[in-house]
Protein backbone atom coordinates (compact mmCIF):
# COMPACT_ATOMS: atom_id res chain seq x y z
CA MET A 1 -28.72 -9.56 25.45
CA THR A 2 -27.99 -13.20 24.60
CA ILE A 3 -29.20 -15.50 21.86
CA LYS A 4 -31.35 -17.20 24.47
CA ASP A 5 -33.03 -13.86 25.25
CA LEU A 6 -33.71 -13.33 21.56
CA ALA A 7 -35.29 -16.79 21.35
CA LYS A 8 -37.72 -15.86 24.14
CA LEU A 9 -38.58 -12.50 22.54
CA ALA A 10 -39.15 -14.12 19.17
CA GLY A 11 -41.10 -17.08 20.62
CA VAL A 12 -38.86 -19.54 18.81
CA SER A 13 -36.19 -22.01 19.87
CA TYR A 14 -32.53 -21.24 20.51
CA SER A 15 -31.49 -23.25 17.45
CA THR A 16 -33.94 -21.34 15.22
CA VAL A 17 -32.39 -18.02 16.28
CA SER A 18 -28.91 -19.40 15.71
CA LYS A 19 -29.78 -20.62 12.25
CA ALA A 20 -31.54 -17.36 11.29
CA LEU A 21 -28.57 -15.23 12.36
CA ASN A 22 -26.23 -17.50 10.40
CA ASP A 23 -28.44 -17.32 7.29
CA SER A 24 -29.30 -21.08 7.26
CA ALA A 25 -31.34 -22.20 4.21
CA SER A 26 -33.56 -24.26 6.55
CA ILE A 27 -35.16 -21.05 7.96
CA SER A 28 -37.74 -19.11 6.04
CA ALA A 29 -36.98 -15.59 4.82
CA ALA A 30 -39.84 -14.18 6.87
CA THR A 31 -38.52 -15.77 10.08
CA LYS A 32 -34.99 -14.64 9.43
CA THR A 33 -36.25 -11.08 8.86
CA ARG A 34 -38.31 -11.01 12.05
CA ILE A 35 -35.47 -12.42 14.21
CA ARG A 36 -32.93 -10.00 12.73
CA GLU A 37 -35.20 -7.04 13.35
CA ILE A 38 -35.62 -8.00 16.96
CA ALA A 39 -31.88 -8.53 17.30
CA GLN A 40 -31.18 -5.04 15.85
CA SER A 41 -33.82 -3.32 18.02
CA GLU A 42 -32.49 -5.00 21.18
CA GLY A 43 -28.83 -4.19 20.29
CA TYR A 44 -27.71 -7.87 20.12
CA GLN A 45 -24.10 -8.46 19.29
CA LYS A 46 -22.70 -11.85 18.39
CA ASN A 47 -20.34 -13.23 21.09
CA LEU A 48 -17.22 -14.07 19.09
CA ALA A 49 -15.69 -15.99 22.03
CA ALA A 50 -18.80 -18.16 22.35
CA THR A 51 -18.88 -18.69 18.57
CA HIS A 52 -15.27 -19.78 18.70
CA LEU A 53 -15.96 -22.27 21.44
CA ALA A 54 -18.95 -23.70 19.61
CA SER A 55 -17.50 -23.93 16.16
CA GLY A 56 -13.76 -23.94 16.76
CA ARG A 57 -13.54 -21.01 14.28
CA THR A 58 -13.02 -17.31 14.82
CA ARG A 59 -12.90 -16.22 11.16
CA LEU A 60 -10.32 -13.61 12.21
CA VAL A 61 -7.27 -12.74 10.09
CA GLY A 62 -4.46 -10.67 11.43
CA VAL A 63 -2.60 -8.13 9.28
CA ALA A 64 0.78 -6.78 10.49
CA LEU A 65 2.05 -3.56 8.85
CA VAL A 66 5.09 -1.53 9.79
CA GLU A 67 3.25 1.75 9.85
CA VAL A 68 -0.05 3.41 8.89
CA ASN A 69 0.99 7.01 8.47
CA ASN A 70 2.19 6.29 4.95
CA PRO A 71 -0.92 6.43 2.67
CA THR A 72 0.26 3.20 0.94
CA PHE A 73 -0.27 1.21 4.11
CA SER A 74 -3.46 2.88 5.28
CA ASN A 75 -5.06 2.43 1.83
CA LEU A 76 -3.84 -1.19 1.64
CA ALA A 77 -5.40 -1.90 5.11
CA LEU A 78 -8.72 -0.50 3.87
CA HIS A 79 -8.71 -2.65 0.75
CA LEU A 80 -7.75 -5.76 2.75
CA HIS A 81 -10.54 -5.12 5.21
CA ARG A 82 -13.07 -4.97 2.34
CA ALA A 83 -11.66 -8.02 0.66
CA PHE A 84 -11.84 -10.16 3.82
CA ARG A 85 -15.28 -8.86 4.73
CA ALA A 86 -16.57 -9.93 1.32
CA ARG A 87 -15.34 -13.46 2.10
CA GLY A 88 -16.98 -13.57 5.51
CA TYR A 89 -13.86 -12.87 7.54
CA HIS A 90 -12.97 -10.15 10.05
CA MET A 91 -9.53 -8.41 9.89
CA ILE A 92 -7.47 -7.17 12.87
CA LEU A 93 -4.66 -4.72 12.16
CA ALA A 94 -1.40 -4.81 14.11
CA VAL A 95 1.27 -2.11 13.74
CA SER A 96 3.97 -3.46 16.09
CA LEU A 97 5.57 -6.80 16.97
CA ASP A 98 3.86 -6.68 20.39
CA GLU A 99 0.51 -6.50 18.76
CA VAL A 100 1.38 -9.44 16.52
CA GLU A 101 1.85 -11.51 19.67
CA VAL A 102 -1.54 -10.33 20.84
CA LEU A 103 -3.11 -11.75 17.70
CA SER A 104 -2.14 -15.22 18.78
CA ARG A 105 -4.11 -14.82 21.93
CA LEU A 106 -7.19 -13.69 19.82
CA ARG A 107 -6.86 -16.95 17.88
CA VAL A 108 -6.54 -15.51 14.49
CA GLU A 109 -6.75 -18.15 11.80
CA GLY A 110 -4.13 -16.63 9.52
CA LEU A 111 -1.66 -13.79 9.44
CA ILE A 112 -0.51 -11.42 6.60
CA LEU A 113 2.77 -9.54 7.24
CA TRP A 114 4.34 -6.72 5.35
CA GLU A 115 7.87 -7.82 4.49
CA ASP A 116 9.47 -5.11 6.66
CA VAL A 117 8.05 -6.83 9.75
CA MET A 118 9.82 -10.04 8.79
CA ARG A 119 13.03 -8.25 7.86
CA THR A 120 13.32 -6.25 11.09
CA HIS A 121 12.21 -9.18 13.28
CA PRO A 122 13.79 -12.30 11.66
CA GLY A 123 12.33 -14.72 14.22
CA VAL A 124 8.66 -13.61 13.76
CA VAL A 125 7.92 -16.19 11.03
CA SER A 126 9.27 -19.12 13.12
CA ARG A 127 7.07 -17.89 16.05
CA ILE A 128 4.03 -17.82 13.80
CA HIS A 129 4.69 -21.43 12.82
CA THR A 130 4.40 -22.37 16.52
CA TRP A 131 0.88 -20.99 16.43
CA LYS A 132 0.15 -23.54 13.69
CA ILE A 133 -1.61 -20.97 11.49
CA PRO A 134 -0.74 -20.04 7.91
CA ALA A 135 1.24 -16.88 7.20
CA PHE A 136 1.47 -14.89 3.97
CA ILE A 137 4.19 -12.31 3.35
CA LEU A 138 3.52 -9.22 1.24
CA GLY A 139 5.96 -7.05 -0.60
CA THR A 140 9.15 -9.09 -0.51
CA ASP A 141 11.80 -8.92 -3.24
CA ASP A 142 13.19 -12.30 -2.37
CA VAL A 143 12.06 -15.87 -3.04
CA LEU A 144 11.02 -17.29 0.33
CA GLU A 145 10.20 -20.75 1.64
CA VAL A 146 6.88 -19.53 3.03
CA PRO A 147 3.83 -18.32 1.06
CA HIS A 148 4.55 -14.83 -0.18
CA MET A 149 3.69 -12.12 -2.70
CA ARG A 150 6.34 -10.29 -4.65
CA PHE A 151 5.90 -6.94 -6.38
CA ASP A 152 7.88 -6.56 -9.63
CA ARG A 153 9.43 -3.27 -8.55
CA LYS A 154 12.15 -3.63 -11.19
CA ALA A 155 9.60 -3.87 -14.02
CA GLY A 156 7.90 -0.72 -12.58
CA ILE A 157 11.04 1.39 -12.66
CA LEU A 158 11.93 0.11 -16.14
CA GLU A 159 8.49 1.05 -17.31
CA ALA A 160 8.73 4.52 -15.84
CA VAL A 161 12.18 5.13 -17.48
CA ARG A 162 10.85 3.90 -20.87
CA TYR A 163 7.81 6.02 -20.61
CA LEU A 164 9.79 9.14 -19.95
CA ARG A 165 12.17 8.19 -22.78
CA SER A 166 9.20 8.06 -25.11
CA PHE A 167 8.65 11.75 -24.41
CA GLY A 168 12.20 12.55 -25.41
CA HIS A 169 13.77 12.62 -21.88
CA ASP A 170 17.26 11.31 -21.56
CA ARG A 171 18.43 13.32 -18.51
CA ILE A 172 16.26 11.37 -15.99
CA GLY A 173 16.80 11.65 -12.21
CA ILE A 174 15.61 9.43 -9.43
CA VAL A 175 14.63 10.78 -5.90
CA GLY A 176 15.06 8.44 -2.92
CA ASP A 177 17.26 5.54 -2.07
CA SER A 178 15.20 3.37 0.30
CA GLN A 179 15.01 0.30 -1.91
CA GLU A 180 18.07 -1.04 -3.61
CA ILE A 181 16.13 -3.01 -6.19
CA LYS A 182 14.66 0.18 -7.63
CA ILE A 183 18.05 1.91 -7.88
CA ARG A 184 19.49 -1.09 -9.68
CA ALA A 185 16.59 -1.15 -12.03
CA PHE A 186 17.04 2.56 -12.79
CA MET A 187 20.78 2.16 -13.51
CA GLU A 188 20.02 -0.87 -15.69
CA ALA A 189 17.34 0.98 -17.66
CA MET A 190 19.60 3.92 -18.24
CA ALA A 191 22.34 1.61 -19.38
CA ASP A 192 20.01 -0.12 -21.81
CA LEU A 193 19.27 3.28 -23.28
CA GLY A 194 22.96 4.12 -23.57
CA LEU A 195 22.76 6.70 -20.86
CA GLU A 196 24.76 4.97 -18.10
CA GLU A 197 27.49 7.59 -18.15
CA ILE A 198 25.18 10.23 -16.77
CA SER A 199 22.85 8.17 -14.65
CA GLY A 200 25.01 8.34 -11.54
CA GLU A 201 24.84 12.17 -11.53
CA TYR A 202 21.14 12.07 -11.25
CA LEU A 203 20.70 10.06 -8.10
CA PHE A 204 19.09 12.34 -5.45
CA PRO A 205 19.17 10.38 -2.15
CA SER A 206 16.47 11.01 0.41
CA GLU A 207 14.70 9.59 3.32
CA PRO A 208 11.38 7.84 2.30
CA THR A 209 9.30 10.71 3.58
CA TRP A 210 7.62 13.86 2.22
CA GLU A 211 10.32 15.97 3.89
CA GLY A 212 13.02 13.73 2.33
CA GLY A 213 11.78 14.30 -1.14
CA TYR A 214 11.31 18.00 -0.56
CA ARG A 215 14.86 18.58 0.74
CA ALA A 216 16.41 16.48 -2.00
CA LEU A 217 15.30 18.79 -4.72
CA LYS A 218 14.71 22.03 -2.82
CA TYR A 219 18.37 22.20 -1.89
CA ALA A 220 19.85 20.44 -4.93
CA ARG A 221 22.91 22.11 -6.47
CA ARG A 222 21.91 25.18 -8.37
CA ASP A 223 25.15 25.47 -10.44
CA ARG A 224 24.03 22.99 -13.03
CA PRO A 225 20.75 22.09 -14.76
CA LEU A 226 18.48 19.59 -13.14
CA PRO A 227 17.34 16.54 -15.05
CA THR A 228 14.39 17.17 -17.32
CA ALA A 229 12.46 14.32 -15.55
CA PHE A 230 12.39 12.61 -12.22
CA ILE A 231 11.09 9.33 -10.77
CA GLY A 232 10.13 9.43 -7.12
CA LEU A 233 10.65 6.10 -5.27
CA ASN A 234 7.48 6.31 -3.22
CA ASN A 235 4.31 8.40 -2.96
CA LEU A 236 5.53 10.68 -0.12
CA VAL A 237 8.90 11.33 -1.71
CA THR A 238 7.29 12.16 -5.01
CA LYS A 239 4.85 14.68 -3.53
CA GLY A 240 7.63 16.33 -1.56
CA ALA A 241 9.76 16.56 -4.73
CA LEU A 242 6.84 18.11 -6.58
CA ARG A 243 6.40 20.81 -3.94
CA ALA A 244 10.11 21.62 -4.12
CA LEU A 245 10.11 21.96 -7.86
CA LEU A 246 7.13 24.27 -7.74
CA GLU A 247 8.65 26.35 -5.01
CA ARG A 248 11.79 26.72 -7.13
CA GLY A 249 9.69 28.11 -9.89
CA TYR A 250 9.69 25.13 -12.28
CA ALA A 251 6.49 24.32 -14.15
CA VAL A 252 5.55 20.64 -13.96
CA PRO A 253 5.51 19.17 -16.57
CA ARG A 254 6.52 22.06 -18.95
CA ASP A 255 10.03 22.38 -17.42
CA ILE A 256 10.39 19.12 -15.56
CA SER A 257 8.38 15.89 -15.79
CA LEU A 258 7.65 13.65 -12.76
CA ILE A 259 6.58 10.09 -12.20
CA GLY A 260 5.87 8.59 -8.76
CA TYR A 261 6.08 5.00 -7.59
CA ASP A 262 3.03 3.81 -5.69
CA ASN A 263 -0.41 3.74 -7.34
CA LEU A 264 -2.43 5.69 -4.82
CA PRO A 265 -5.75 7.42 -5.63
CA ASP A 266 -4.72 10.72 -3.96
CA MET A 267 -1.77 11.15 -6.42
CA GLN A 268 -4.31 12.58 -8.81
CA PHE A 269 -5.17 15.31 -6.33
CA ALA A 270 -1.65 16.70 -5.93
CA GLU A 271 -0.83 20.22 -7.06
CA VAL A 272 -0.23 18.63 -10.48
CA PRO A 273 -1.91 15.25 -11.01
CA ILE A 274 1.04 12.82 -10.85
CA THR A 275 1.65 9.97 -13.25
CA THR A 276 2.27 6.84 -11.22
CA VAL A 277 3.62 3.29 -11.67
CA GLY A 278 3.38 0.28 -9.33
CA PRO A 279 1.00 -2.53 -8.39
CA LEU A 280 -2.66 -1.59 -7.82
CA LEU A 281 -3.71 -1.83 -4.21
CA GLU A 282 -6.97 -3.39 -5.15
CA ASP A 283 -5.10 -6.22 -6.88
CA ILE A 284 -2.83 -6.69 -3.90
CA ALA A 285 -5.68 -6.88 -1.44
CA GLU A 286 -7.92 -9.15 -3.50
CA THR A 287 -5.14 -11.57 -4.27
CA ALA A 288 -3.85 -11.61 -0.71
CA ALA A 289 -7.30 -12.24 0.73
CA ALA A 290 -8.00 -15.03 -1.79
CA VAL A 291 -4.65 -16.74 -0.99
CA MET A 292 -5.16 -16.35 2.79
CA VAL A 293 -8.65 -17.83 2.83
CA SER A 294 -7.49 -20.67 0.60
CA LEU A 295 -4.70 -21.43 3.05
CA ILE A 296 -6.97 -21.18 6.07
CA GLU A 297 -9.54 -23.49 4.38
CA LYS A 298 -6.86 -25.83 3.18
CA GLN A 299 -7.72 -25.41 -0.47
CA THR A 300 -5.27 -25.91 -3.30
CA THR A 301 -3.79 -22.54 -4.31
CA GLU A 302 -0.69 -20.83 -5.61
CA THR A 303 1.31 -19.77 -2.55
CA VAL A 304 3.85 -17.68 -4.48
CA VAL A 305 2.31 -14.70 -6.36
CA VAL A 306 3.93 -11.93 -8.39
CA ILE A 307 1.95 -8.65 -8.89
CA ASP A 308 2.93 -6.72 -12.01
CA PRO A 309 3.11 -2.93 -12.08
CA VAL A 310 0.63 -0.67 -13.84
CA LEU A 311 1.50 2.76 -15.21
CA ILE A 312 -1.31 5.38 -14.85
CA ALA A 313 -0.73 8.45 -17.02
CA ARG A 314 -1.73 11.81 -15.58
CA ALA A 315 -0.69 15.44 -16.20
CA SER A 316 2.90 15.42 -14.73
CA VAL A 317 4.67 14.18 -17.87
CA SER A 318 5.08 16.00 -21.17
CA GLU A 319 7.49 16.32 -24.08
CA CYS A 320 11.08 17.16 -23.10
CA ARG A 321 12.21 20.76 -23.41
CA PRO A 322 15.85 21.47 -24.36
CA SER A 323 16.97 22.42 -20.84
CA ALA A 324 15.89 23.04 -17.27
CA ASP A 325 18.01 26.06 -16.36
CA PRO A 326 18.64 26.16 -12.55
CA GLU A 327 18.24 29.95 -12.64
CA GLU A 328 15.26 30.16 -14.97
CA GLY A 329 12.74 28.84 -12.59
CA GLU A 330 13.68 31.24 -9.82
CA ARG A 331 13.55 34.20 -12.29
CA ARG A 332 10.11 33.19 -13.58
CA VAL A 333 8.30 32.95 -10.28
CA ALA A 334 9.13 34.71 -7.03
CA VAL A 335 7.88 32.38 -4.34
CA THR A 336 7.79 33.00 -0.64
CA GLU A 337 9.55 30.09 0.92
CA PRO A 338 7.89 28.96 4.25
CA ALA A 339 9.90 26.93 6.67
CA ILE A 340 9.90 23.19 5.93
CA GLU A 341 8.08 22.54 9.24
CA GLU A 342 5.24 24.84 8.21
CA VAL A 343 4.94 23.27 4.73
CA SER A 344 4.86 19.82 6.25
CA ALA A 345 2.19 20.70 8.77
CA LYS A 346 -0.08 21.99 6.00
CA LEU A 347 0.39 19.12 3.58
CA LEU A 348 0.77 15.95 5.69
């Protein structure tokens, strides 16, 4: 079914069908409705290649992420899709460098990259420049010479420490070590509170995964009390840490409080609704889409953007208790401990 076939069925000219499908003001509402109904009933699909040839525009934007199994990236992709669609653009998602190269052959008009893509493939930005399309980098901690969006991760960790301190916590731990800027912010915040002498004892390194957060606290030393509060460095680590604490018999937040970095909607549906800090994904997507469209359409816009963190209070933080005895939790609740692989399969 082509646009010429639609014109014959509707008894109008080719140009009238084209204008109706493109919502031209020169076509009456009744004619638009009739043509669109015929198009829908006949299964007509707009030929993007033909549209590109006719207009020189594809209205396609590529988005390159490092992975989609982390809920942060899958949720961000969804919000970006909605934001571009609202602006009349289509989004194509790439999850590997090979797919980024494919985007050039699809004639995308702009490209958004998560900073890890740029960091692991240093030459990718220069290659994008050869396509002569605008690029916008998300999530960097550095000041770049190309348009980019920075997240104030340092401010987020500082806010989390201060929030926990307002509940009386001074033995605060951090789970994860995947982003140095967050670790530095934690140490700085603890020093500002006069707690630098103990902050190093409460670093619990882990891989940036659910299993990493789980193992970091599940198998933490049991010959000394745990901190009375923890900050997880991403959503997966935080949820793994929560499961470990619960399996060890600690009540969250009665015994130990918990804050997670990454403001994801599903954090409210964890075993205990988790207080979170970080940029809002809706803000990231809306801002990124607005900047990208402005760059494509050569409008004046800010090309360096900083997104501030937001703390969302839920049920995982409460007033500090005097101690979190490493034996007390195990005595209080006898928990059958399934293998880590079984736990992961059920939760992930």
